[in-house]
Structure formats: structure tokens, C-alpha cells
PDB file of N, CA and C in Angstrom:
ATOM      1  N   MET A   1      13.292 -28.321  14.522  1.00  0.00           N
ATOM      2  CA  MET A   1      11.994 -28.905  14.768  1.00  0.00           C
ATOM      3  C   MET A   1      11.245 -28.149  15.869  1.00  0.00           C
ATOM      4  N   LEU A   2      12.019 -27.705  16.861  1.00  0.00           N
ATOM      5  CA  LEU A   2      11.365 -26.998  17.992  1.00  0.00           C
ATOM      6  C   LEU A   2      10.789 -25.655  17.536  1.00  0.00           C
ATOM      7  N   ALA A   3      11.437 -25.006  16.631  1.00  0.00           N
ATOM      8  CA  ALA A   3      10.971 -23.642  16.193  1.00  0.00           C
ATOM      9  C   ALA A   3       9.798 -23.729  15.209  1.00  0.00           C
ATOM     10  N   ILE A   4       9.710 -24.808  14.434  1.00  0.00           N
ATOM     11  CA  ILE A   4       8.661 -24.890  13.416  1.00  0.00           C
ATOM     12  C   ILE A   4       7.295 -25.243  14.065  1.00  0.00           C
ATOM     13  N   CYS A   5       7.340 -25.902  15.234  1.00  0.00           N
ATOM     14  CA  CYS A   5       6.065 -26.282  15.914  1.00  0.00           C
ATOM     15  C   CYS A   5       5.216 -25.095  16.258  1.00  0.00           C
ATOM     16  N   PRO A   6       5.731 -24.025  16.875  1.00  0.00           N
ATOM     17  CA  PRO A   6       4.876 -22.866  17.093  1.00  0.00           C
ATOM     18  C   PRO A   6       4.727 -21.971  15.893  1.00  0.00           C
ATOM     19  N   ALA A   7       5.633 -22.056  14.921  1.00  0.00           N
ATOM     20  CA  ALA A   7       5.554 -21.150  13.727  1.00  0.00           C
ATOM     21  C   ALA A   7       4.398 -21.584  12.818  1.00  0.00           C
ATOM     22  N   ALA A   8       4.160 -22.842  12.657  1.00  0.00           N
ATOM     23  CA  ALA A   8       3.058 -23.270  11.747  1.00  0.00           C
ATOM     24  C   ALA A   8       1.686 -22.820  12.235  1.00  0.00           C
ATOM     25  N   PRO A   9       1.347 -23.074  13.510  1.00  0.00           N
ATOM     26  CA  PRO A   9       0.003 -22.586  13.926  1.00  0.00           C
ATOM     27  C   PRO A   9      -0.081 -21.071  13.995  1.00  0.00           C
ATOM     28  N   LEU A  10       1.036 -20.412  14.322  1.00  0.00           N
ATOM     29  CA  LEU A  10       1.051 -18.942  14.321  1.00  0.00           C
ATOM     30  C   LEU A  10       0.801 -18.448  12.927  1.00  0.00           C
ATOM     31  N   GLY A  11       1.444 -19.023  11.913  1.00  0.00           N
ATOM     32  CA  GLY A  11       1.266 -18.587  10.527  1.00  0.00           C
ATOM     33  C   GLY A  11      -0.173 -18.855  10.044  1.00  0.00           C
ATOM     34  N   ALA A  12      -0.691 -20.019  10.427  1.00  0.00           N
ATOM     35  CA  ALA A  12      -2.078 -20.306  10.027  1.00  0.00           C
ATOM     36  C   ALA A  12      -3.064 -19.368  10.670  1.00  0.00           C
ATOM     37  N   GLY A  13      -2.821 -19.042  11.954  1.00  0.00           N
ATOM     38  CA  GLY A  13      -3.706 -18.080  12.632  1.00  0.00           C
ATOM     39  C   GLY A  13      -3.625 -16.688  12.016  1.00  0.00           C
ATOM     40  N   LEU A  14      -2.412 -16.218  11.739  1.00  0.00           N
ATOM     41  CA  LEU A  14      -2.259 -14.910  11.101  1.00  0.00           C
ATOM     42  C   LEU A  14      -2.916 -14.877   9.729  1.00  0.00           C
ATOM     43  N   ALA A  15      -2.768 -15.945   8.977  1.00  0.00           N
ATOM     44  CA  ALA A  15      -3.414 -15.993   7.645  1.00  0.00           C
ATOM     45  C   ALA A  15      -4.909 -15.934   7.751  1.00  0.00           C
ATOM     46  N   TRP A  16      -5.471 -16.610   8.744  1.00  0.00           N
ATOM     47  CA  TRP A  16      -6.918 -16.614   8.934  1.00  0.00           C
ATOM     48  C   TRP A  16      -7.398 -15.198   9.371  1.00  0.00           C
ATOM     49  N   VAL A  17      -6.656 -14.570  10.282  1.00  0.00           N
ATOM     50  CA  VAL A  17      -7.068 -13.236  10.767  1.00  0.00           C
ATOM     51  C   VAL A  17      -7.018 -12.208   9.663  1.00  0.00           C
ATOM     52  N   TYR A  18      -5.959 -12.241   8.841  1.00  0.00           N
ATOM     53  CA  TYR A  18      -5.756 -11.216   7.811  1.00  0.00           C
ATOM     54  C   TYR A  18      -6.258 -11.626   6.426  1.00  0.00           C
ATOM     55  N   GLY A  19      -6.804 -12.806   6.292  1.00  0.00           N
ATOM     56  CA  GLY A  19      -7.350 -13.254   5.043  1.00  0.00           C
ATOM     57  C   GLY A  19      -6.305 -13.489   3.947  1.00  0.00           C
ATOM     58  N   LEU A  20      -5.159 -13.980   4.365  1.00  0.00           N
ATOM     59  CA  LEU A  20      -4.076 -14.234   3.398  1.00  0.00           C
ATOM     60  C   LEU A  20      -3.946 -15.730   3.139  1.00  0.00           C
ATOM     61  N   SER A  21      -3.099 -16.063   2.192  1.00  0.00           N
ATOM     62  CA  SER A  21      -2.873 -17.469   1.827  1.00  0.00           C
ATOM     63  C   SER A  21      -2.148 -18.167   2.996  1.00  0.00           C
ATOM     64  N   VAL A  22      -2.733 -19.259   3.460  1.00  0.00           N
ATOM     65  CA  VAL A  22      -2.143 -19.975   4.593  1.00  0.00           C
ATOM     66  C   VAL A  22      -0.735 -20.502   4.271  1.00  0.00           C
ATOM     67  N   PRO A  23      -0.519 -21.162   3.125  1.00  0.00           N
ATOM     68  CA  PRO A  23       0.860 -21.632   2.880  1.00  0.00           C
ATOM     69  C   PRO A  23       1.892 -20.501   2.809  1.00  0.00           C
ATOM     70  N   SER A  24       1.500 -19.349   2.259  1.00  0.00           N
ATOM     71  CA  SER A  24       2.468 -18.234   2.186  1.00  0.00           C
ATOM     72  C   SER A  24       2.814 -17.712   3.566  1.00  0.00           C
ATOM     73  N   VAL A  25       1.821 -17.558   4.440  1.00  0.00           N
ATOM     74  CA  VAL A  25       2.077 -16.998   5.758  1.00  0.00           C
ATOM     75  C   VAL A  25       2.812 -18.053   6.635  1.00  0.00           C
ATOM     76  N   VAL A  26       2.512 -19.296   6.513  1.00  0.00           N
ATOM     77  CA  VAL A  26       3.228 -20.327   7.248  1.00  0.00           C
ATOM     78  C   VAL A  26       4.688 -20.330   6.833  1.00  0.00           C
ATOM     79  N   LEU A  27       4.975 -20.199   5.564  1.00  0.00           N
ATOM     80  CA  LEU A  27       6.352 -20.127   5.047  1.00  0.00           C
ATOM     81  C   LEU A  27       7.011 -18.803   5.551  1.00  0.00           C
ATOM     82  N   ALA A  28       6.244 -17.762   5.631  1.00  0.00           N
ATOM     83  CA  ALA A  28       6.781 -16.491   6.103  1.00  0.00           C
ATOM     84  C   ALA A  28       7.146 -16.540   7.589  1.00  0.00           C
ATOM     85  N   THR A  29       6.480 -17.349   8.372  1.00  0.00           N
ATOM     86  CA  THR A  29       6.777 -17.465   9.807  1.00  0.00           C
ATOM     87  C   THR A  29       7.760 -18.585  10.093  1.00  0.00           C
ATOM     88  N   ALA A  30       8.086 -19.375   9.102  1.00  0.00           N
ATOM     89  CA  ALA A  30       8.984 -20.516   9.310  1.00  0.00           C
ATOM     90  C   ALA A  30      10.412 -20.047   9.565  1.00  0.00           C
ATOM     91  N   PRO A  31      11.105 -20.734  10.458  1.00  0.00           N
ATOM     92  CA  PRO A  31      12.508 -20.396  10.658  1.00  0.00           C
ATOM     93  C   PRO A  31      13.353 -20.772   9.463  1.00  0.00           C
ATOM     94  N   GLY A  32      14.335 -19.979   9.147  1.00  0.00           N
ATOM     95  CA  GLY A  32      15.185 -20.250   8.034  1.00  0.00           C
ATOM     96  C   GLY A  32      15.735 -18.979   7.436  1.00  0.00           C
ATOM     97  N   GLY A  33      16.650 -19.104   6.524  1.00  0.00           N
ATOM     98  CA  GLY A  33      17.272 -17.956   5.890  1.00  0.00           C
ATOM     99  C   GLY A  33      16.361 -17.297   4.883  1.00  0.00           C
ATOM    100  N   ILE A  34      16.642 -16.040   4.618  1.00  0.00           N
ATOM    101  CA  ILE A  34      15.814 -15.259   3.688  1.00  0.00           C
ATOM    102  C   ILE A  34      15.902 -15.837   2.292  1.00  0.00           C
ATOM    103  N   ALA A  35      17.100 -16.150   1.824  1.00  0.00           N
ATOM    104  CA  ALA A  35      17.261 -16.641   0.453  1.00  0.00           C
ATOM    105  C   ALA A  35      16.556 -17.980   0.294  1.00  0.00           C
ATOM    106  N   GLU A  36      16.718 -18.884   1.253  1.00  0.00           N
ATOM    107  CA  GLU A  36      16.104 -20.203   1.130  1.00  0.00           C
ATOM    108  C   GLU A  36      14.572 -20.139   1.102  1.00  0.00           C
ATOM    109  N   MET A  37      14.048 -19.286   1.978  1.00  0.00           N
ATOM    110  CA  MET A  37      12.590 -19.196   2.057  1.00  0.00           C
ATOM    111  C   MET A  37      12.020 -18.492   0.797  1.00  0.00           C
ATOM    112  N   CYS A  38      12.761 -17.527   0.242  1.00  0.00           N
ATOM    113  CA  CYS A  38      12.303 -16.867  -0.973  1.00  0.00           C
ATOM    114  C   CYS A  38      12.321 -17.802  -2.165  1.00  0.00           C
ATOM    115  N   HIS A  39      13.372 -18.591  -2.260  1.00  0.00           N
ATOM    116  CA  HIS A  39      13.435 -19.585  -3.342  1.00  0.00           C
ATOM    117  C   HIS A  39      12.314 -20.624  -3.202  1.00  0.00           C
ATOM    118  N   THR A  40      12.093 -21.057  -1.973  1.00  0.00           N
ATOM    119  CA  THR A  40      11.028 -22.003  -1.715  1.00  0.00           C
ATOM    120  C   THR A  40       9.661 -21.440  -2.102  1.00  0.00           C
ATOM    121  N   ALA A  41       9.419 -20.185  -1.747  1.00  0.00           N
ATOM    122  CA  ALA A  41       8.150 -19.522  -2.104  1.00  0.00           C
ATOM    123  C   ALA A  41       8.024 -19.400  -3.618  1.00  0.00           C
ATOM    124  N   GLU A  42       9.130 -19.096  -4.281  1.00  0.00           N
ATOM    125  CA  GLU A  42       9.098 -18.969  -5.736  1.00  0.00           C
ATOM    126  C   GLU A  42       8.791 -20.301  -6.417  1.00  0.00           C
ATOM    127  N   VAL A  43       9.425 -21.371  -5.948  1.00  0.00           N
ATOM    128  CA  VAL A  43       9.200 -22.676  -6.508  1.00  0.00           C
ATOM    129  C   VAL A  43       7.793 -23.180  -6.272  1.00  0.00           C
ATOM    130  N   LEU A  44       7.269 -22.884  -5.081  1.00  0.00           N
ATOM    131  CA  LEU A  44       5.902 -23.302  -4.708  1.00  0.00           C
ATOM    132  C   LEU A  44       4.841 -22.333  -5.238  1.00  0.00           C
ATOM    133  N   GLN A  45       5.253 -21.280  -5.908  1.00  0.00           N
ATOM    134  CA  GLN A  45       4.362 -20.265  -6.437  1.00  0.00           C
ATOM    135  C   GLN A  45       3.523 -19.648  -5.335  1.00  0.00           C
ATOM    136  N   LEU A  46       4.184 -19.248  -4.272  1.00  0.00           N
ATOM    137  CA  LEU A  46       3.529 -18.558  -3.151  1.00  0.00           C
ATOM    138  C   LEU A  46       3.918 -17.101  -3.163  1.00  0.00           C
ATOM    139  N   GLY A  47       3.493 -16.349  -2.181  1.00  0.00           N
ATOM    140  CA  GLY A  47       3.768 -14.908  -2.148  1.00  0.00           C
ATOM    141  C   GLY A  47       5.187 -14.569  -1.784  1.00  0.00           C
ATOM    142  N   VAL A  48       6.018 -14.456  -2.773  1.00  0.00           N
ATOM    143  CA  VAL A  48       7.434 -14.156  -2.536  1.00  0.00           C
ATOM    144  C   VAL A  48       7.625 -12.806  -1.807  1.00  0.00           C
ATOM    145  N   PRO A  49       6.937 -11.717  -2.204  1.00  0.00           N
ATOM    146  CA  PRO A  49       7.096 -10.476  -1.477  1.00  0.00           C
ATOM    147  C   PRO A  49       6.691 -10.563   0.007  1.00  0.00           C
ATOM    148  N   LEU A  50       5.642 -11.305   0.290  1.00  0.00           N
ATOM    149  CA  LEU A  50       5.170 -11.466   1.664  1.00  0.00           C
ATOM    150  C   LEU A  50       6.257 -12.240   2.475  1.00  0.00           C
ATOM    151  N   VAL A  51       6.754 -13.308   1.922  1.00  0.00           N
ATOM    152  CA  VAL A  51       7.771 -14.121   2.611  1.00  0.00           C
ATOM    153  C   VAL A  51       9.052 -13.299   2.832  1.00  0.00           C
ATOM    154  N   THR A  52       9.472 -12.568   1.796  1.00  0.00           N
ATOM    155  CA  THR A  52      10.692 -11.781   1.901  1.00  0.00           C
ATOM    156  C   THR A  52      10.517 -10.691   2.961  1.00  0.00           C
ATOM    157  N   THR A  53       9.412 -10.005   2.933  1.00  0.00           N
ATOM    158  CA  THR A  53       9.169  -8.928   3.898  1.00  0.00           C
ATOM    159  C   THR A  53       9.133  -9.442   5.350  1.00  0.00           C
ATOM    160  N   ALA A  54       8.489 -10.568   5.530  1.00  0.00           N
ATOM    161  CA  ALA A  54       8.407 -11.135   6.860  1.00  0.00           C
ATOM    162  C   ALA A  54       9.783 -11.530   7.388  1.00  0.00           C
ATOM    163  N   HIS A  55      10.585 -12.130   6.550  1.00  0.00           N
ATOM    164  CA  HIS A  55      11.944 -12.555   7.001  1.00  0.00           C
ATOM    165  C   HIS A  55      12.896 -11.376   7.213  1.00  0.00           C
ATOM    166  N   VAL A  56      12.790 -10.358   6.352  1.00  0.00           N
ATOM    167  CA  VAL A  56      13.613  -9.183   6.549  1.00  0.00           C
ATOM    168  C   VAL A  56      13.239  -8.476   7.822  1.00  0.00           C
ATOM    169  N   THR A  57      11.891  -8.386   8.083  1.00  0.00           N
ATOM    170  CA  THR A  57      11.456  -7.746   9.291  1.00  0.00           C
ATOM    171  C   THR A  57      11.928  -8.516  10.529  1.00  0.00           C
ATOM    172  N   ARG A  58      11.876  -9.851  10.478  1.00  0.00           N
ATOM    173  CA  ARG A  58      12.382 -10.663  11.571  1.00  0.00           C
ATOM    174  C   ARG A  58      13.843 -10.399  11.849  1.00  0.00           C
ATOM    175  N   VAL A  59      14.650 -10.318  10.796  1.00  0.00           N
ATOM    176  CA  VAL A  59      16.094 -10.085  10.988  1.00  0.00           C
ATOM    177  C   VAL A  59      16.342  -8.709  11.576  1.00  0.00           C
ATOM    178  N   ILE A  60      15.609  -7.664  11.094  1.00  0.00           N
ATOM    179  CA  ILE A  60      15.776  -6.332  11.641  1.00  0.00           C
ATOM    180  C   ILE A  60      15.408  -6.280  13.126  1.00  0.00           C
ATOM    181  N   VAL A  61      14.302  -6.912  13.471  1.00  0.00           N
ATOM    182  CA  VAL A  61      13.875  -6.923  14.899  1.00  0.00           C
ATOM    183  C   VAL A  61      14.921  -7.656  15.752  1.00  0.00           C
ATOM    184  N   LEU A  62      15.392  -8.792  15.260  1.00  0.00           N
ATOM    185  CA  LEU A  62      16.416  -9.525  16.036  1.00  0.00           C
ATOM    186  C   LEU A  62      17.696  -8.747  16.201  1.00  0.00           C
ATOM    187  N   VAL A  63      18.182  -8.138  15.123  1.00  0.00           N
ATOM    188  CA  VAL A  63      19.450  -7.408  15.182  1.00  0.00           C
ATOM    189  C   VAL A  63      19.320  -6.194  16.085  1.00  0.00           C
ATOM    190  N   THR A  64      18.265  -5.448  15.957  1.00  0.00           N
ATOM    191  CA  THR A  64      18.116  -4.232  16.767  1.00  0.00           C
ATOM    192  C   THR A  64      17.694  -4.502  18.203  1.00  0.00           C
ATOM    193  N   GLY A  65      17.036  -5.603  18.455  1.00  0.00           N
ATOM    194  CA  GLY A  65      16.545  -5.896  19.794  1.00  0.00           C
ATOM    195  C   GLY A  65      17.448  -6.730  20.672  1.00  0.00           C
ATOM    196  N   THR A  66      18.414  -7.428  20.092  1.00  0.00           N
ATOM    197  CA  THR A  66      19.262  -8.349  20.833  1.00  0.00           C
ATOM    198  C   THR A  66      20.101  -7.619  21.880  1.00  0.00           C
ATOM    199  N   GLY A  67      20.722  -6.527  21.515  1.00  0.00           N
ATOM    200  CA  GLY A  67      21.535  -5.747  22.458  1.00  0.00           C
ATOM    201  C   GLY A  67      20.729  -5.219  23.652  1.00  0.00           C
ATOM    202  N   THR A  68      19.549  -4.739  23.349  1.00  0.00           N
ATOM    203  CA  THR A  68      18.681  -4.174  24.368  1.00  0.00           C
ATOM    204  C   THR A  68      18.254  -5.288  25.333  1.00  0.00           C
ATOM    205  N   MET A  69      17.841  -6.415  24.773  1.00  0.00           N
ATOM    206  CA  MET A  69      17.436  -7.533  25.616  1.00  0.00           C
ATOM    207  C   MET A  69      18.581  -8.071  26.475  1.00  0.00           C
ATOM    208  N   PHE A  70      19.803  -8.081  25.922  1.00  0.00           N
ATOM    209  CA  PHE A  70      20.958  -8.542  26.656  1.00  0.00           C
ATOM    210  C   PHE A  70      21.242  -7.618  27.843  1.00  0.00           C
ATOM    211  N   ARG A  71      21.218  -6.292  27.579  1.00  0.00           N
ATOM    212  CA  ARG A  71      21.442  -5.358  28.656  1.00  0.00           C
ATOM    213  C   ARG A  71      20.372  -5.452  29.739  1.00  0.00           C
ATOM    214  N   PHE A  72      19.129  -5.641  29.314  1.00  0.00           N
ATOM    215  CA  PHE A  72      18.043  -5.797  30.292  1.00  0.00           C
ATOM    216  C   PHE A  72      18.244  -7.051  31.124  1.00  0.00           C
ATOM    217  N   ALA A  73      18.575  -8.172  30.493  1.00  0.00           N
ATOM    218  CA  ALA A  73      18.799  -9.413  31.217  1.00  0.00           C
ATOM    219  C   ALA A  73      20.002  -9.289  32.184  1.00  0.00           C
ATOM    220  N   ARG A  74      21.066  -8.624  31.714  1.00  0.00           N
ATOM    221  CA  ARG A  74      22.232  -8.424  32.562  1.00  0.00           C
ATOM    222  C   ARG A  74      21.892  -7.555  33.756  1.00  0.00           C
ATOM    223  N   SER A  75      21.091  -6.509  33.555  1.00  0.00           N
ATOM    224  CA  SER A  75      20.743  -5.665  34.695  1.00  0.00           C
ATOM    225  C   SER A  75      19.861  -6.409  35.690  1.00  0.00           C
ATOM    226  N   LEU A  76      18.997  -7.288  35.212  1.00  0.00           N
ATOM    227  CA  LEU A  76      18.189  -8.074  36.123  1.00  0.00           C
ATOM    228  C   LEU A  76      19.074  -9.060  36.913  1.00  0.00           C
ATOM    229  N   ALA A  77      20.029  -9.651  36.205  1.00  0.00           N
ATOM    230  CA  ALA A  77      20.936 -10.604  36.895  1.00  0.00           C
ATOM    231  C   ALA A  77      21.775  -9.875  37.928  1.00  0.00           C
ATOM    232  N   THR A  78      22.221  -8.707  37.639  1.00  0.00           N
ATOM    233  CA  THR A  78      22.984  -7.908  38.575  1.00  0.00           C
ATOM    234  C   THR A  78      22.141  -7.507  39.781  1.00  0.00           C
ATOM    235  N   LYS A  79      20.938  -7.099  39.487  1.00  0.00           N
ATOM    236  CA  LYS A  79      20.022  -6.614  40.542  1.00  0.00           C
ATOM    237  C   LYS A  79      19.683  -7.755  41.506  1.00  0.00           C
ATOM    238  N   TYR A  80      19.494  -8.950  41.030  1.00  0.00           N
ATOM    239  CA  TYR A  80      19.099 -10.066  41.881  1.00  0.00           C
ATOM    240  C   TYR A  80      20.282 -10.963  42.265  1.00  0.00           C
ATOM    241  N   GLY A  81      21.494 -10.507  42.015  1.00  0.00           N
ATOM    242  CA  GLY A  81      22.699 -11.170  42.500  1.00  0.00           C
ATOM    243  C   GLY A  81      23.113 -12.439  41.783  1.00  0.00           C
ATOM    244  N   LYS A  82      22.738 -12.597  40.528  1.00  0.00           N
ATOM    245  CA  LYS A  82      23.099 -13.797  39.774  1.00  0.00           C
ATOM    246  C   LYS A  82      23.968 -13.393  38.596  1.00  0.00           C
ATOM    247  N   SER A  83      25.072 -12.739  38.838  1.00  0.00           N
ATOM    248  CA  SER A  83      25.923 -12.252  37.742  1.00  0.00           C
ATOM    249  C   SER A  83      26.980 -13.257  37.353  1.00  0.00           C
TER     250      SER A  83
END
């Protein structure tokens, strides 16, 4: 519930800025698994490629950025004595 609250207005705003379908972009920004969101988009007859691309991009960013963010947070904690 906590993650969907900012995702819905973010999706609606992105849809408005880029002139895309609001339901498709809201589903693309919604938290959840790739398979579930793609099936939901297919059943609701929304933009399946858009939803799939958004979720795959999210996974790639999270997987590649998590290690870097962890090392950065650890270096800050070490620097300021909270290890």
C-alpha cells in the first residue's frame, strides 16, 4: 500500500507529460512482478510492451544500482562513525 500511493500519481503525471494512456503508465509504475503486471495489462487491454519495458528497466536499475548504493551508504556510515 505504501509503494502504490506515490506510484499512481507519478504514473498519471508521466502519462500526462508524454501523452500516453494513463492506465497503462500507472500500471507500468505500479509495484509488482513483471509477469503479473504483463498479464494484468493484457487482460485489461493496456499497453503490454510499455508495462513490460518499464518493469524490466526498473529491475535492471535496481540490480545494478543496489551494490553501488550500499557501498556509498557504508562509506558514509564509516566516515561519520556509525558503522
